Amino acid sequence: MIGIFIDTLVICTASAMLILLAGNGTTYMPLEGIQLIQKAMRVLMGSWGAEFVTLVVILFAFSSIVANYIYAENNLFFLRLNNPKAIWCLRICTFQRSSAAPC
């Protein structure tokens, strides 16, 4: 619980500092969320800053999918559904839902 609080505090503070240090050069086009962070990184670190943010987000998403798959597979073992059919169903559902486009 404390780890989540510290991580959130560190990430939010770092994001706010990046935005404040980069300044607001785009008054004609309001940016929000990840676009604002990418623009700040591009201003502060050059062209590779936005690509770095993209890579970090992709790695975070991948690690979240893998961790949640492991949690789900352990739940199947706990419920005594650890037969190959149930595990393959879980794998298919995980792949299908992780590769689905957002609505």
PDB file of N, CA and C in Angstrom:
ATOM      1  N   MET A   1       0.824  -1.194   0.000  1.00  0.00           N
ATOM      2  CA  MET A   1       0.000   0.000   0.000  1.00  0.00           C
ATOM      3  C   MET A   1       0.862   1.249   0.000  1.00  0.00           C
ATOM      4  N   ILE A   2       1.897   1.288   0.810  1.00  0.00           N
ATOM      5  CA  ILE A   2       2.752   2.472   0.861  1.00  0.00           C
ATOM      6  C   ILE A   2       3.565   2.603  -0.425  1.00  0.00           C
ATOM      7  N   GLY A   3       3.895   1.472  -1.058  1.00  0.00           N
ATOM      8  CA  GLY A   3       4.631   1.517  -2.320  1.00  0.00           C
ATOM      9  C   GLY A   3       3.840   2.192  -3.424  1.00  0.00           C
ATOM     10  N   ILE A   4       2.547   1.909  -3.465  1.00  0.00           N
ATOM     11  CA  ILE A   4       1.688   2.540  -4.464  1.00  0.00           C
ATOM     12  C   ILE A   4       1.623   4.038  -4.230  1.00  0.00           C
ATOM     13  N   PHE A   5       1.504   4.438  -2.977  1.00  0.00           N
ATOM     14  CA  PHE A   5       1.442   5.864  -2.649  1.00  0.00           C
ATOM     15  C   PHE A   5       2.738   6.567  -3.036  1.00  0.00           C
ATOM     16  N   ILE A   6       3.868   5.958  -2.714  1.00  0.00           N
ATOM     17  CA  ILE A   6       5.159   6.578  -3.022  1.00  0.00           C
ATOM     18  C   ILE A   6       5.370   6.652  -4.528  1.00  0.00           C
ATOM     19  N   ASP A   7       5.061   5.549  -5.251  1.00  0.00           N
ATOM     20  CA  ASP A   7       5.208   5.566  -6.706  1.00  0.00           C
ATOM     21  C   ASP A   7       4.345   6.642  -7.340  1.00  0.00           C
ATOM     22  N   THR A   8       3.102   6.731  -6.892  1.00  0.00           N
ATOM     23  CA  THR A   8       2.204   7.735  -7.444  1.00  0.00           C
ATOM     24  C   THR A   8       2.713   9.134  -7.147  1.00  0.00           C
ATOM     25  N   LEU A   9       3.157   9.354  -5.944  1.00  0.00           N
ATOM     26  CA  LEU A   9       3.671  10.669  -5.571  1.00  0.00           C
ATOM     27  C   LEU A   9       4.907  11.030  -6.392  1.00  0.00           C
ATOM     28  N   VAL A  10       5.809  10.084  -6.586  1.00  0.00           N
ATOM     29  CA  VAL A  10       7.033  10.354  -7.345  1.00  0.00           C
ATOM     30  C   VAL A  10       6.713  10.618  -8.813  1.00  0.00           C
ATOM     31  N   ILE A  11       5.888   9.775  -9.426  1.00  0.00           N
ATOM     32  CA  ILE A  11       5.562   9.937 -10.843  1.00  0.00           C
ATOM     33  C   ILE A  11       4.802  11.231 -11.078  1.00  0.00           C
ATOM     34  N   CYS A  12       3.826  11.525 -10.242  1.00  0.00           N
ATOM     35  CA  CYS A  12       3.054  12.766 -10.412  1.00  0.00           C
ATOM     36  C   CYS A  12       3.925  13.998 -10.204  1.00  0.00           C
ATOM     37  N   THR A  13       4.805  13.964  -9.226  1.00  0.00           N
ATOM     38  CA  THR A  13       5.692  15.100  -8.987  1.00  0.00           C
ATOM     39  C   THR A  13       6.670  15.279 -10.142  1.00  0.00           C
ATOM     40  N   ALA A  14       7.228  14.187 -10.641  1.00  0.00           N
ATOM     41  CA  ALA A  14       8.152  14.273 -11.772  1.00  0.00           C
ATOM     42  C   ALA A  14       7.445  14.800 -13.017  1.00  0.00           C
ATOM     43  N   SER A  15       6.221  14.335 -13.258  1.00  0.00           N
ATOM     44  CA  SER A  15       5.459  14.823 -14.410  1.00  0.00           C
ATOM     45  C   SER A  15       5.164  16.308 -14.286  1.00  0.00           C
ATOM     46  N   ALA A  16       4.765  16.742 -13.115  1.00  0.00           N
ATOM     47  CA  ALA A  16       4.471  18.161 -12.903  1.00  0.00           C
ATOM     48  C   ALA A  16       5.721  19.008 -13.083  1.00  0.00           C
ATOM     49  N   MET A  17       6.855  18.545 -12.583  1.00  0.00           N
ATOM     50  CA  MET A  17       8.099  19.305 -12.741  1.00  0.00           C
ATOM     51  C   MET A  17       8.506  19.399 -14.207  1.00  0.00           C
ATOM     52  N   LEU A  18       8.327  18.320 -14.966  1.00  0.00           N
ATOM     53  CA  LEU A  18       8.633  18.363 -16.394  1.00  0.00           C
ATOM     54  C   LEU A  18       7.768  19.388 -17.112  1.00  0.00           C
ATOM     55  N   ILE A  19       6.475  19.386 -16.805  1.00  0.00           N
ATOM     56  CA  ILE A  19       5.554  20.321 -17.456  1.00  0.00           C
ATOM     57  C   ILE A  19       5.899  21.756 -17.085  1.00  0.00           C
ATOM     58  N   LEU A  20       6.187  21.997 -15.817  1.00  0.00           N
ATOM     59  CA  LEU A  20       6.514  23.354 -15.383  1.00  0.00           C
ATOM     60  C   LEU A  20       7.841  23.834 -15.957  1.00  0.00           C
ATOM     61  N   LEU A  21       8.833  22.964 -16.042  1.00  0.00           N
ATOM     62  CA  LEU A  21      10.125  23.358 -16.590  1.00  0.00           C
ATOM     63  C   LEU A  21      10.069  23.607 -18.092  1.00  0.00           C
ATOM     64  N   ALA A  22       9.216  22.851 -18.798  1.00  0.00           N
ATOM     65  CA  ALA A  22       9.124  23.007 -20.252  1.00  0.00           C
ATOM     66  C   ALA A  22       8.355  24.257 -20.636  1.00  0.00           C
ATOM     67  N   GLY A  23       7.489  24.728 -19.775  1.00  0.00           N
ATOM     68  CA  GLY A  23       6.684  25.899 -20.110  1.00  0.00           C
ATOM     69  C   GLY A  23       5.506  25.517 -20.987  1.00  0.00           C
ATOM     70  N   ASN A  24       4.673  26.485 -21.272  1.00  0.00           N
ATOM     71  CA  ASN A  24       3.490  26.234 -22.090  1.00  0.00           C
ATOM     72  C   ASN A  24       3.637  27.015 -23.387  1.00  0.00           C
ATOM     73  N   GLY A  25       4.245  26.391 -24.377  1.00  0.00           N
ATOM     74  CA  GLY A  25       4.460  27.059 -25.652  1.00  0.00           C
ATOM     75  C   GLY A  25       3.322  26.920 -26.634  1.00  0.00           C
ATOM     76  N   THR A  26       2.307  26.143 -26.304  1.00  0.00           N
ATOM     77  CA  THR A  26       1.214  25.917 -27.247  1.00  0.00           C
ATOM     78  C   THR A  26      -0.088  26.411 -26.646  1.00  0.00           C
ATOM     79  N   THR A  27      -0.345  27.692 -26.770  1.00  0.00           N
ATOM     80  CA  THR A  27      -1.614  28.221 -26.272  1.00  0.00           C
ATOM     81  C   THR A  27      -2.729  28.004 -27.277  1.00  0.00           C
ATOM     82  N   TYR A  28      -2.390  27.780 -28.540  1.00  0.00           N
ATOM     83  CA  TYR A  28      -3.400  27.568 -29.569  1.00  0.00           C
ATOM     84  C   TYR A  28      -3.918  26.149 -29.601  1.00  0.00           C
ATOM     85  N   MET A  29      -3.199  25.213 -29.020  1.00  0.00           N
ATOM     86  CA  MET A  29      -3.610  23.813 -29.048  1.00  0.00           C
ATOM     87  C   MET A  29      -3.487  23.233 -27.643  1.00  0.00           C
ATOM     88  N   PRO A  30      -4.593  23.129 -26.919  1.00  0.00           N
ATOM     89  CA  PRO A  30      -4.496  22.595 -25.556  1.00  0.00           C
ATOM     90  C   PRO A  30      -4.149  21.103 -25.574  1.00  0.00           C
ATOM     91  N   LEU A  31      -3.183  20.734 -24.788  1.00  0.00           N
ATOM     92  CA  LEU A  31      -2.761  19.344 -24.678  1.00  0.00           C
ATOM     93  C   LEU A  31      -3.118  18.823 -23.301  1.00  0.00           C
ATOM     94  N   GLU A  32      -3.398  17.530 -23.247  1.00  0.00           N
ATOM     95  CA  GLU A  32      -3.718  16.882 -21.979  1.00  0.00           C
ATOM     96  C   GLU A  32      -3.008  15.544 -21.911  1.00  0.00           C
ATOM     97  N   GLY A  33      -2.822  15.071 -20.713  1.00  0.00           N
ATOM     98  CA  GLY A  33      -2.339  13.718 -20.475  1.00  0.00           C
ATOM     99  C   GLY A  33      -0.974  13.437 -21.067  1.00  0.00           C
ATOM    100  N   ILE A  34      -0.902  12.313 -21.770  1.00  0.00           N
ATOM    101  CA  ILE A  34       0.377  11.834 -22.277  1.00  0.00           C
ATOM    102  C   ILE A  34       0.950  12.762 -23.335  1.00  0.00           C
ATOM    103  N   GLN A  35       0.085  13.432 -24.120  1.00  0.00           N
ATOM    104  CA  GLN A  35       0.592  14.369 -25.124  1.00  0.00           C
ATOM    105  C   GLN A  35       1.330  15.534 -24.469  1.00  0.00           C
ATOM    106  N   LEU A  36       0.833  15.991 -23.329  1.00  0.00           N
ATOM    107  CA  LEU A  36       1.483  17.085 -22.614  1.00  0.00           C
ATOM    108  C   LEU A  36       2.856  16.660 -22.086  1.00  0.00           C
ATOM    109  N   ILE A  37       2.947  15.461 -21.563  1.00  0.00           N
ATOM    110  CA  ILE A  37       4.233  14.954 -21.072  1.00  0.00           C
ATOM    111  C   ILE A  37       5.202  14.751 -22.234  1.00  0.00           C
ATOM    112  N   GLN A  38       4.703  14.213 -23.362  1.00  0.00           N
ATOM    113  CA  GLN A  38       5.572  14.018 -24.517  1.00  0.00           C
ATOM    114  C   GLN A  38       6.098  15.350 -25.047  1.00  0.00           C
ATOM    115  N   LYS A  39       5.248  16.363 -25.084  1.00  0.00           N
ATOM    116  CA  LYS A  39       5.694  17.676 -25.547  1.00  0.00           C
ATOM    117  C   LYS A  39       6.743  18.250 -24.602  1.00  0.00           C
ATOM    118  N   ALA A  40       6.520  18.112 -23.301  1.00  0.00           N
ATOM    119  CA  ALA A  40       7.493  18.610 -22.332  1.00  0.00           C
ATOM    120  C   ALA A  40       8.830  17.885 -22.483  1.00  0.00           C
ATOM    121  N   MET A  41       8.797  16.581 -22.674  1.00  0.00           N
ATOM    122  CA  MET A  41      10.040  15.831 -22.864  1.00  0.00           C
ATOM    123  C   MET A  41      10.724  16.240 -24.161  1.00  0.00           C
ATOM    124  N   ARG A  42       9.936  16.490 -25.217  1.00  0.00           N
ATOM    125  CA  ARG A  42      10.511  16.921 -26.486  1.00  0.00           C
ATOM    126  C   ARG A  42      11.192  18.282 -26.341  1.00  0.00           C
ATOM    127  N   VAL A  43      10.563  19.190 -25.576  1.00  0.00           N
ATOM    128  CA  VAL A  43      11.148  20.517 -25.367  1.00  0.00           C
ATOM    129  C   VAL A  43      12.427  20.415 -24.542  1.00  0.00           C
ATOM    130  N   LEU A  44      12.406  19.609 -23.493  1.00  0.00           N
ATOM    131  CA  LEU A  44      13.544  19.548 -22.575  1.00  0.00           C
ATOM    132  C   LEU A  44      14.680  18.652 -23.048  1.00  0.00           C
ATOM    133  N   MET A  45      14.364  17.569 -23.765  1.00  0.00           N
ATOM    134  CA  MET A  45      15.389  16.576 -24.079  1.00  0.00           C
ATOM    135  C   MET A  45      15.618  16.374 -25.570  1.00  0.00           C
ATOM    136  N   GLY A  46      14.918  17.097 -26.393  1.00  0.00           N
ATOM    137  CA  GLY A  46      15.098  16.933 -27.827  1.00  0.00           C
ATOM    138  C   GLY A  46      14.101  15.950 -28.406  1.00  0.00           C
ATOM    139  N   SER A  47      14.377  15.529 -29.634  1.00  0.00           N
ATOM    140  CA  SER A  47      13.405  14.704 -30.362  1.00  0.00           C
ATOM    141  C   SER A  47      13.210  13.320 -29.750  1.00  0.00           C
ATOM    142  N   TRP A  48      14.203  12.801 -29.050  1.00  0.00           N
ATOM    143  CA  TRP A  48      14.063  11.448 -28.508  1.00  0.00           C
ATOM    144  C   TRP A  48      13.249  11.415 -27.216  1.00  0.00           C
ATOM    145  N   GLY A  49      12.897  12.552 -26.653  1.00  0.00           N
ATOM    146  CA  GLY A  49      12.141  12.598 -25.405  1.00  0.00           C
ATOM    147  C   GLY A  49      10.759  11.986 -25.524  1.00  0.00           C
ATOM    148  N   ALA A  50      10.053  12.304 -26.613  1.00  0.00           N
ATOM    149  CA  ALA A  50       8.708  11.757 -26.813  1.00  0.00           C
ATOM    150  C   ALA A  50       8.759  10.249 -27.049  1.00  0.00           C
ATOM    151  N   GLU A  51       9.760   9.795 -27.795  1.00  0.00           N
ATOM    152  CA  GLU A  51       9.894   8.356 -28.035  1.00  0.00           C
ATOM    153  C   GLU A  51      10.218   7.611 -26.745  1.00  0.00           C
ATOM    154  N   PHE A  52      10.981   8.235 -25.864  1.00  0.00           N
ATOM    155  CA  PHE A  52      11.289   7.624 -24.574  1.00  0.00           C
ATOM    156  C   PHE A  52      10.021   7.433 -23.746  1.00  0.00           C
ATOM    157  N   VAL A  53       9.161   8.445 -23.724  1.00  0.00           N
ATOM    158  CA  VAL A  53       7.895   8.337 -22.985  1.00  0.00           C
ATOM    159  C   VAL A  53       7.038   7.223 -23.580  1.00  0.00           C
ATOM    160  N   THR A  54       6.988   7.141 -24.909  1.00  0.00           N
ATOM    161  CA  THR A  54       6.217   6.088 -25.568  1.00  0.00           C
ATOM    162  C   THR A  54       6.741   4.708 -25.189  1.00  0.00           C
ATOM    163  N   LEU A  55       8.053   4.536 -25.203  1.00  0.00           N
ATOM    164  CA  LEU A  55       8.650   3.249 -24.844  1.00  0.00           C
ATOM    165  C   LEU A  55       8.338   2.870 -23.402  1.00  0.00           C
ATOM    166  N   VAL A  56       8.423   3.825 -22.491  1.00  0.00           N
ATOM    167  CA  VAL A  56       8.136   3.553 -21.081  1.00  0.00           C
ATOM    168  C   VAL A  56       6.682   3.129 -20.897  1.00  0.00           C
ATOM    169  N   VAL A  57       5.757   3.791 -21.587  1.00  0.00           N
ATOM    170  CA  VAL A  57       4.337   3.438 -21.472  1.00  0.00           C
ATOM    171  C   VAL A  57       4.083   2.045 -22.040  1.00  0.00           C
ATOM    172  N   ILE A  58       4.705   1.713 -23.164  1.00  0.00           N
ATOM    173  CA  ILE A  58       4.531   0.379 -23.756  1.00  0.00           C
ATOM    174  C   ILE A  58       5.078  -0.704 -22.821  1.00  0.00           C
ATOM    175  N   LEU A  59       6.250  -0.480 -22.243  1.00  0.00           N
ATOM    176  CA  LEU A  59       6.817  -1.466 -21.312  1.00  0.00           C
ATOM    177  C   LEU A  59       5.961  -1.622 -20.060  1.00  0.00           C
ATOM    178  N   PHE A  60       5.407  -0.520 -19.563  1.00  0.00           N
ATOM    179  CA  PHE A  60       4.523  -0.597 -18.405  1.00  0.00           C
ATOM    180  C   PHE A  60       3.258  -1.396 -18.740  1.00  0.00           C
ATOM    181  N   ALA A  61       2.687  -1.153 -19.916  1.00  0.00           N
ATOM    182  CA  ALA A  61       1.485  -1.889 -20.316  1.00  0.00           C
ATOM    183  C   ALA A  61       1.782  -3.382 -20.457  1.00  0.00           C
ATOM    184  N   PHE A  62       2.911  -3.721 -21.082  1.00  0.00           N
ATOM    185  CA  PHE A  62       3.267  -5.128 -21.252  1.00  0.00           C
ATOM    186  C   PHE A  62       3.480  -5.818 -19.910  1.00  0.00           C
ATOM    187  N   SER A  63       4.198  -5.162 -19.001  1.00  0.00           N
ATOM    188  CA  SER A  63       4.434  -5.780 -17.694  1.00  0.00           C
ATOM    189  C   SER A  63       3.136  -5.920 -16.901  1.00  0.00           C
ATOM    190  N   SER A  64       2.201  -5.000 -17.078  1.00  0.00           N
ATOM    191  CA  SER A  64       0.900  -5.117 -16.406  1.00  0.00           C
ATOM    192  C   SER A  64       0.111  -6.303 -16.941  1.00  0.00           C
ATOM    193  N   ILE A  65       0.143  -6.512 -18.258  1.00  0.00           N
ATOM    194  CA  ILE A  65      -0.564  -7.648 -18.853  1.00  0.00           C
ATOM    195  C   ILE A  65       0.030  -8.963 -18.351  1.00  0.00           C
ATOM    196  N   VAL A  66       1.344  -9.067 -18.338  1.00  0.00           N
ATOM    197  CA  VAL A  66       2.001 -10.298 -17.874  1.00  0.00           C
ATOM    198  C   VAL A  66       1.690 -10.561 -16.403  1.00  0.00           C
ATOM    199  N   ALA A  67       1.766  -9.535 -15.574  1.00  0.00           N
ATOM    200  CA  ALA A  67       1.491  -9.712 -14.142  1.00  0.00           C
ATOM    201  C   ALA A  67       0.049 -10.133 -13.904  1.00  0.00           C
ATOM    202  N   ASN A  68      -0.897  -9.521 -14.598  1.00  0.00           N
ATOM    203  CA  ASN A  68      -2.299  -9.895 -14.412  1.00  0.00           C
ATOM    204  C   ASN A  68      -2.585 -11.293 -14.944  1.00  0.00           C
ATOM    205  N   TYR A  69      -1.890 -11.721 -16.004  1.00  0.00           N
ATOM    206  CA  TYR A  69      -2.034 -13.096 -16.470  1.00  0.00           C
ATOM    207  C   TYR A  69      -1.557 -14.074 -15.393  1.00  0.00           C
ATOM    208  N   ILE A  70      -0.439 -13.772 -14.762  1.00  0.00           N
ATOM    209  CA  ILE A  70       0.079 -14.650 -13.704  1.00  0.00           C
ATOM    210  C   ILE A  70      -0.897 -14.715 -12.533  1.00  0.00           C
ATOM    211  N   TYR A  71      -1.472 -13.566 -12.162  1.00  0.00           N
ATOM    212  CA  TYR A  71      -2.484 -13.565 -11.095  1.00  0.00           C
ATOM    213  C   TYR A  71      -3.667 -14.447 -11.477  1.00  0.00           C
ATOM    214  N   ALA A  72      -4.131 -14.333 -12.720  1.00  0.00           N
ATOM    215  CA  ALA A  72      -5.292 -15.111 -13.159  1.00  0.00           C
ATOM    216  C   ALA A  72      -4.972 -16.604 -13.197  1.00  0.00           C
ATOM    217  N   GLU A  73      -3.785 -16.960 -13.648  1.00  0.00           N
ATOM    218  CA  GLU A  73      -3.418 -18.377 -13.684  1.00  0.00           C
ATOM    219  C   GLU A  73      -3.314 -18.949 -12.271  1.00  0.00           C
ATOM    220  N   ASN A  74      -2.776 -18.184 -11.341  1.00  0.00           N
ATOM    221  CA  ASN A  74      -2.736 -18.640  -9.945  1.00  0.00           C
ATOM    222  C   ASN A  74      -4.138 -18.786  -9.369  1.00  0.00           C
ATOM    223  N   ASN A  75      -5.059 -17.931  -9.774  1.00  0.00           N
ATOM    224  CA  ASN A  75      -6.449 -18.078  -9.336  1.00  0.00           C
ATOM    225  C   ASN A  75      -7.063 -19.358  -9.877  1.00  0.00           C
ATOM    226  N   LEU A  76      -6.720 -19.722 -11.122  1.00  0.00           N
ATOM    227  CA  LEU A  76      -7.208 -20.992 -11.658  1.00  0.00           C
ATOM    228  C   LEU A  76      -6.673 -22.167 -10.837  1.00  0.00           C
ATOM    229  N   PHE A  77      -5.416 -22.124 -10.466  1.00  0.00           N
ATOM    230  CA  PHE A  77      -4.850 -23.190  -9.633  1.00  0.00           C
ATOM    231  C   PHE A  77      -5.538 -23.248  -8.277  1.00  0.00           C
ATOM    232  N   PHE A  78      -5.829 -22.092  -7.705  1.00  0.00           N
ATOM    233  CA  PHE A  78      -6.506 -22.036  -6.412  1.00  0.00           C
ATOM    234  C   PHE A  78      -7.905 -22.641  -6.497  1.00  0.00           C
ATOM    235  N   LEU A  79      -8.600 -22.403  -7.617  1.00  0.00           N
ATOM    236  CA  LEU A  79      -9.955 -22.930  -7.804  1.00  0.00           C
ATOM    237  C   LEU A  79      -9.958 -24.359  -8.341  1.00  0.00           C
ATOM    238  N   ARG A  80      -8.784 -24.960  -8.434  1.00  0.00           N
ATOM    239  CA  ARG A  80      -8.622 -26.332  -8.922  1.00  0.00           C
ATOM    240  C   ARG A  80      -9.064 -26.484 -10.377  1.00  0.00           C
ATOM    241  N   LEU A  81      -8.875 -25.423 -11.161  1.00  0.00           N
ATOM    242  CA  LEU A  81      -9.192 -25.464 -12.588  1.00  0.00           C
ATOM    243  C   LEU A  81      -7.900 -25.432 -13.401  1.00  0.00           C
ATOM    244  N   ASN A  82      -6.892 -26.152 -12.926  1.00  0.00           N
ATOM    245  CA  ASN A  82      -5.588 -26.097 -13.577  1.00  0.00           C
ATOM    246  C   ASN A  82      -5.429 -27.159 -14.661  1.00  0.00           C
ATOM    247  N   ASN A  83      -6.516 -27.491 -15.344  1.00  0.00           N
ATOM    248  CA  ASN A  83      -6.408 -28.408 -16.466  1.00  0.00           C
ATOM    249  C   ASN A  83      -5.975 -27.625 -17.712  1.00  0.00           C
ATOM    250  N   PRO A  84      -5.414 -28.298 -18.691  1.00  0.00           N
ATOM    251  CA  PRO A  84      -4.897 -27.599 -19.876  1.00  0.00           C
ATOM    252  C   PRO A  84      -5.967 -26.815 -20.635  1.00  0.00           C
ATOM    253  N   LYS A  85      -7.194 -27.304 -20.630  1.00  0.00           N
ATOM    254  CA  LYS A  85      -8.268 -26.618 -21.349  1.00  0.00           C
ATOM    255  C   LYS A  85      -8.545 -25.237 -20.735  1.00  0.00           C
ATOM    256  N   ALA A  86      -8.598 -25.156 -19.421  1.00  0.00           N
ATOM    257  CA  ALA A  86      -8.859 -23.878 -18.753  1.00  0.00           C
ATOM    258  C   ALA A  86      -7.692 -22.911 -18.937  1.00  0.00           C
ATOM    259  N   ILE A  87      -6.470 -23.432 -18.891  1.00  0.00           N
ATOM    260  CA  ILE A  87      -5.302 -22.563 -19.061  1.00  0.00           C
ATOM    261  C   ILE A  87      -5.242 -22.019 -20.483  1.00  0.00           C
ATOM    262  N   TRP A  88      -5.547 -22.846 -21.478  1.00  0.00           N
ATOM    263  CA  TRP A  88      -5.558 -22.345 -22.852  1.00  0.00           C
ATOM    264  C   TRP A  88      -6.681 -21.344 -23.068  1.00  0.00           C
ATOM    265  N   CYS A  89      -7.801 -21.563 -22.436  1.00  0.00           N
ATOM    266  CA  CYS A  89      -8.897 -20.588 -22.522  1.00  0.00           C
ATOM    267  C   CYS A  89      -8.457 -19.248 -21.932  1.00  0.00           C
ATOM    268  N   LEU A  90      -7.761 -19.292 -20.808  1.00  0.00           N
ATOM    269  CA  LEU A  90      -7.237 -18.068 -20.197  1.00  0.00           C
ATOM    270  C   LEU A  90      -6.241 -17.381 -21.122  1.00  0.00           C
ATOM    271  N   ARG A  91      -5.356 -18.143 -21.746  1.00  0.00           N
ATOM    272  CA  ARG A  91      -4.367 -17.554 -22.657  1.00  0.00           C
ATOM    273  C   ARG A  91      -5.034 -16.898 -23.859  1.00  0.00           C
ATOM    274  N   ILE A  92      -6.028 -17.569 -24.414  1.00  0.00           N
ATOM    275  CA  ILE A  92      -6.738 -17.002 -25.569  1.00  0.00           C
ATOM    276  C   ILE A  92      -7.474 -15.733 -25.173  1.00  0.00           C
ATOM    277  N   CYS A  93      -8.148 -15.767 -24.039  1.00  0.00           N
ATOM    278  CA  CYS A  93      -8.870 -14.570 -23.574  1.00  0.00           C
ATOM    279  C   CYS A  93      -7.909 -13.424 -23.266  1.00  0.00           C
ATOM    280  N   THR A  94      -6.769 -13.737 -22.670  1.00  0.00           N
ATOM    281  CA  THR A  94      -5.786 -12.693 -22.365  1.00  0.00           C
ATOM    282  C   THR A  94      -5.244 -12.073 -23.641  1.00  0.00           C
ATOM    283  N   PHE A  95      -4.893 -12.894 -24.612  1.00  0.00           N
ATOM    284  CA  PHE A  95      -4.378 -12.366 -25.877  1.00  0.00           C
ATOM    285  C   PHE A  95      -5.437 -11.552 -26.600  1.00  0.00           C
ATOM    286  N   GLN A  96      -6.662 -12.063 -26.614  1.00  0.00           N
ATOM    287  CA  GLN A  96      -7.740 -11.369 -27.321  1.00  0.00           C
ATOM    288  C   GLN A  96      -8.039 -10.022 -26.678  1.00  0.00           C
ATOM    289  N   ARG A  97      -8.098  -9.963 -25.372  1.00  0.00           N
ATOM    290  CA  ARG A  97      -8.427  -8.708 -24.688  1.00  0.00           C
ATOM    291  C   ARG A  97      -7.252  -7.736 -24.674  1.00  0.00           C
ATOM    292  N   SER A  98      -6.027  -8.241 -24.681  1.00  0.00           N
ATOM    293  CA  SER A  98      -4.885  -7.319 -24.665  1.00  0.00           C
ATOM    294  C   SER A  98      -4.582  -6.757 -26.044  1.00  0.00           C
ATOM    295  N   SER A  99      -5.045  -7.405 -27.090  1.00  0.00           N
ATOM    296  CA  SER A  99      -4.813  -6.887 -28.438  1.00  0.00           C
ATOM    297  C   SER A  99      -6.038  -6.191 -29.008  1.00  0.00           C
ATOM    298  N   ALA A 100      -7.111  -6.084 -28.236  1.00  0.00           N
ATOM    299  CA  ALA A 100      -8.326  -5.431 -28.716  1.00  0.00           C
ATOM    300  C   ALA A 100      -8.142  -3.918 -28.728  1.00  0.00           C
ATOM    301  N   ALA A 101      -8.690  -3.303 -29.748  1.00  0.00           N
ATOM    302  CA  ALA A 101      -8.630  -1.840 -29.837  1.00  0.00           C
ATOM    303  C   ALA A 101      -9.629  -1.235 -28.862  1.00  0.00           C
ATOM    304  N   PRO A 102      -9.296  -0.086 -28.301  1.00  0.00           N
ATOM    305  CA  PRO A 102     -10.248   0.557 -27.377  1.00  0.00           C
ATOM    306  C   PRO A 102     -11.506   0.998 -28.104  1.00  0.00           C
ATOM    307  N   CYS A 103     -12.592   0.987 -27.375  1.00  0.00           N
ATOM    308  CA  CYS A 103     -13.877   1.371 -27.973  1.00  0.00           C
ATOM    309  C   CYS A 103     -13.965   2.860 -28.183  1.00  0.00           C
TER     310      CYS A 103
END
